[in-house]
Amino acid sequence: MGAQGDNQLHAVNAETGEPIFTSAPLGEVMRFNAPISAKGRVYVAGSTAADTFTVRPPATP
């Protein structure tokens, strides 16, 4: 994620590389900013605000 990309948070399946989540466009994000994951949440710091996403386990079939 970076200011020169699409300013969206993307999550992929670690085993397959398949996309599993794409956020709505975030506000202005500083270049080379890495998301932080803690206690089931993902935090992304922007220039004037922070976005938080809750990580939920996949639905069971």
N, C-alpha and C. Protein backbone atom coordinates (compact mmCIF):
# COMPACT_ATOMS: atom_id res chain seq x y z
N MET A 1 0.83 -1.16 0.00
CA MET A 1 0.00 0.00 0.00
C MET A 1 0.88 1.24 0.00
N GLY A 2 0.53 2.21 -0.77
CA GLY A 2 1.33 3.42 -0.80
C GLY A 2 0.60 4.54 -1.51
N ALA A 3 1.14 5.73 -1.39
CA ALA A 3 0.51 6.90 -1.98
C ALA A 3 0.49 6.85 -3.50
N GLN A 4 1.37 6.06 -4.09
CA GLN A 4 1.40 5.98 -5.55
C GLN A 4 0.56 4.83 -6.09
N GLY A 5 -0.05 4.04 -5.20
CA GLY A 5 -0.90 2.93 -5.62
C GLY A 5 -2.35 3.37 -5.67
N ASP A 6 -3.23 2.46 -5.32
CA ASP A 6 -4.66 2.77 -5.36
C ASP A 6 -5.23 3.20 -4.01
N ASN A 7 -4.36 3.32 -2.98
CA ASN A 7 -4.77 3.75 -1.63
C ASN A 7 -5.88 2.87 -1.07
N GLN A 8 -5.79 1.58 -1.33
CA GLN A 8 -6.72 0.61 -0.77
C GLN A 8 -5.93 -0.45 -0.03
N LEU A 9 -6.56 -1.03 1.00
CA LEU A 9 -5.96 -2.13 1.73
C LEU A 9 -6.40 -3.42 1.06
N HIS A 10 -5.44 -4.26 0.69
CA HIS A 10 -5.73 -5.53 0.03
C HIS A 10 -5.28 -6.67 0.94
N ALA A 11 -6.11 -7.69 1.09
CA ALA A 11 -5.74 -8.89 1.84
C ALA A 11 -5.80 -10.08 0.89
N VAL A 12 -4.82 -10.96 1.02
CA VAL A 12 -4.78 -12.14 0.16
C VAL A 12 -4.62 -13.40 1.01
N ASN A 13 -5.06 -14.52 0.46
CA ASN A 13 -4.85 -15.81 1.10
C ASN A 13 -3.37 -16.12 1.04
N ALA A 14 -2.74 -16.36 2.19
CA ALA A 14 -1.29 -16.57 2.25
C ALA A 14 -0.86 -17.83 1.50
N GLU A 15 -1.73 -18.81 1.38
CA GLU A 15 -1.37 -20.05 0.70
C GLU A 15 -1.56 -19.98 -0.80
N THR A 16 -2.62 -19.31 -1.25
CA THR A 16 -2.94 -19.30 -2.68
C THR A 16 -2.66 -17.98 -3.38
N GLY A 17 -2.56 -16.90 -2.60
CA GLY A 17 -2.38 -15.58 -3.20
C GLY A 17 -3.68 -14.99 -3.71
N GLU A 18 -4.79 -15.71 -3.51
CA GLU A 18 -6.10 -15.24 -3.98
C GLU A 18 -6.58 -14.06 -3.14
N PRO A 19 -7.06 -12.99 -3.78
CA PRO A 19 -7.57 -11.84 -3.03
C PRO A 19 -8.79 -12.25 -2.20
N ILE A 20 -8.83 -11.79 -0.94
CA ILE A 20 -9.98 -12.08 -0.08
C ILE A 20 -10.64 -10.81 0.45
N PHE A 21 -9.99 -9.66 0.28
CA PHE A 21 -10.57 -8.41 0.77
C PHE A 21 -9.91 -7.23 0.07
N THR A 22 -10.71 -6.24 -0.29
CA THR A 22 -10.21 -4.96 -0.79
C THR A 22 -11.05 -3.87 -0.13
N SER A 23 -10.38 -2.93 0.52
CA SER A 23 -11.10 -1.86 1.21
C SER A 23 -11.58 -0.81 0.22
N ALA A 24 -12.44 0.04 0.71
CA ALA A 24 -12.79 1.25 -0.04
C ALA A 24 -11.54 2.12 -0.07
N PRO A 25 -11.45 3.06 -1.00
CA PRO A 25 -10.27 3.93 -1.02
C PRO A 25 -10.10 4.66 0.32
N LEU A 26 -8.88 4.66 0.81
CA LEU A 26 -8.55 5.34 2.06
C LEU A 26 -8.25 6.80 1.76
N GLY A 27 -8.10 7.59 2.78
CA GLY A 27 -7.70 8.98 2.59
C GLY A 27 -6.26 9.04 2.12
N GLU A 28 -5.67 10.18 2.23
CA GLU A 28 -4.28 10.35 1.81
C GLU A 28 -3.37 9.51 2.71
N VAL A 29 -2.58 8.65 2.10
CA VAL A 29 -1.68 7.76 2.84
C VAL A 29 -0.24 8.12 2.49
N MET A 30 0.60 8.19 3.50
CA MET A 30 2.01 8.51 3.28
C MET A 30 2.69 7.37 2.51
N ARG A 31 3.64 7.71 1.70
CA ARG A 31 4.38 6.72 0.92
C ARG A 31 5.14 5.78 1.85
N PHE A 32 5.19 4.50 1.49
CA PHE A 32 5.87 3.44 2.24
C PHE A 32 5.27 3.21 3.62
N ASN A 33 4.00 3.44 3.77
CA ASN A 33 3.31 3.22 5.04
C ASN A 33 2.85 1.77 5.10
N ALA A 34 3.23 1.04 6.14
CA ALA A 34 2.83 -0.36 6.28
C ALA A 34 1.68 -0.48 7.28
N PRO A 35 0.66 -1.28 6.95
CA PRO A 35 -0.42 -1.52 7.91
C PRO A 35 0.12 -2.27 9.13
N ILE A 36 -0.54 -2.10 10.27
CA ILE A 36 -0.17 -2.79 11.50
C ILE A 36 -1.35 -3.66 11.93
N SER A 37 -1.07 -4.91 12.28
CA SER A 37 -2.10 -5.83 12.73
C SER A 37 -1.90 -6.13 14.21
N ALA A 38 -2.98 -5.98 15.01
CA ALA A 38 -2.92 -6.26 16.44
C ALA A 38 -4.31 -6.58 16.98
N LYS A 39 -4.40 -7.66 17.74
CA LYS A 39 -5.64 -8.05 18.43
C LYS A 39 -6.85 -8.07 17.50
N GLY A 40 -6.70 -8.68 16.32
CA GLY A 40 -7.82 -8.84 15.40
C GLY A 40 -8.20 -7.61 14.61
N ARG A 41 -7.34 -6.60 14.61
CA ARG A 41 -7.61 -5.38 13.85
C ARG A 41 -6.41 -5.02 13.00
N VAL A 42 -6.67 -4.31 11.91
CA VAL A 42 -5.61 -3.81 11.05
C VAL A 42 -5.72 -2.29 11.05
N TYR A 43 -4.60 -1.62 11.33
CA TYR A 43 -4.55 -0.16 11.41
C TYR A 43 -3.71 0.38 10.26
N VAL A 44 -4.21 1.43 9.61
CA VAL A 44 -3.48 2.09 8.54
C VAL A 44 -3.45 3.58 8.87
N ALA A 45 -2.25 4.13 9.03
CA ALA A 45 -2.12 5.55 9.37
C ALA A 45 -2.10 6.38 8.10
N GLY A 46 -2.90 7.43 8.10
CA GLY A 46 -2.91 8.36 6.98
C GLY A 46 -2.28 9.67 7.39
N SER A 47 -2.35 10.65 6.54
CA SER A 47 -1.76 11.96 6.83
C SER A 47 -2.51 12.68 7.95
N THR A 48 -3.84 12.52 7.99
CA THR A 48 -4.63 13.25 8.99
C THR A 48 -5.53 12.35 9.82
N ALA A 49 -5.57 11.05 9.53
CA ALA A 49 -6.45 10.13 10.26
C ALA A 49 -5.90 8.71 10.17
N ALA A 50 -6.45 7.84 11.00
CA ALA A 50 -6.10 6.42 10.93
C ALA A 50 -7.35 5.62 10.59
N ASP A 51 -7.21 4.64 9.72
CA ASP A 51 -8.31 3.75 9.37
C ASP A 51 -8.11 2.44 10.12
N THR A 52 -9.20 1.85 10.62
CA THR A 52 -9.15 0.59 11.34
C THR A 52 -10.08 -0.41 10.69
N PHE A 53 -9.61 -1.64 10.53
CA PHE A 53 -10.40 -2.72 9.95
C PHE A 53 -10.43 -3.87 10.94
N THR A 54 -11.60 -4.49 11.13
CA THR A 54 -11.71 -5.65 12.00
C THR A 54 -11.51 -6.90 11.16
N VAL A 55 -10.67 -7.79 11.66
CA VAL A 55 -10.40 -9.05 10.96
C VAL A 55 -11.35 -10.10 11.51
N ARG A 56 -12.15 -10.68 10.64
CA ARG A 56 -13.10 -11.71 11.05
C ARG A 56 -12.71 -13.03 10.41
N PRO A 57 -12.92 -14.14 11.12
CA PRO A 57 -12.61 -15.44 10.51
C PRO A 57 -13.55 -15.71 9.34
N PRO A 58 -13.11 -16.50 8.37
CA PRO A 58 -13.98 -16.80 7.23
C PRO A 58 -15.22 -17.58 7.67
N ALA A 59 -16.30 -17.41 6.94
CA ALA A 59 -17.53 -18.14 7.25
C ALA A 59 -17.34 -19.62 6.97
N THR A 60 -17.91 -20.44 7.82
CA THR A 60 -17.81 -21.89 7.61
C THR A 60 -18.94 -22.34 6.70
N PRO A 61 -18.61 -23.22 5.77
CA PRO A 61 -19.65 -23.67 4.82
C PRO A 61 -20.72 -24.52 5.47
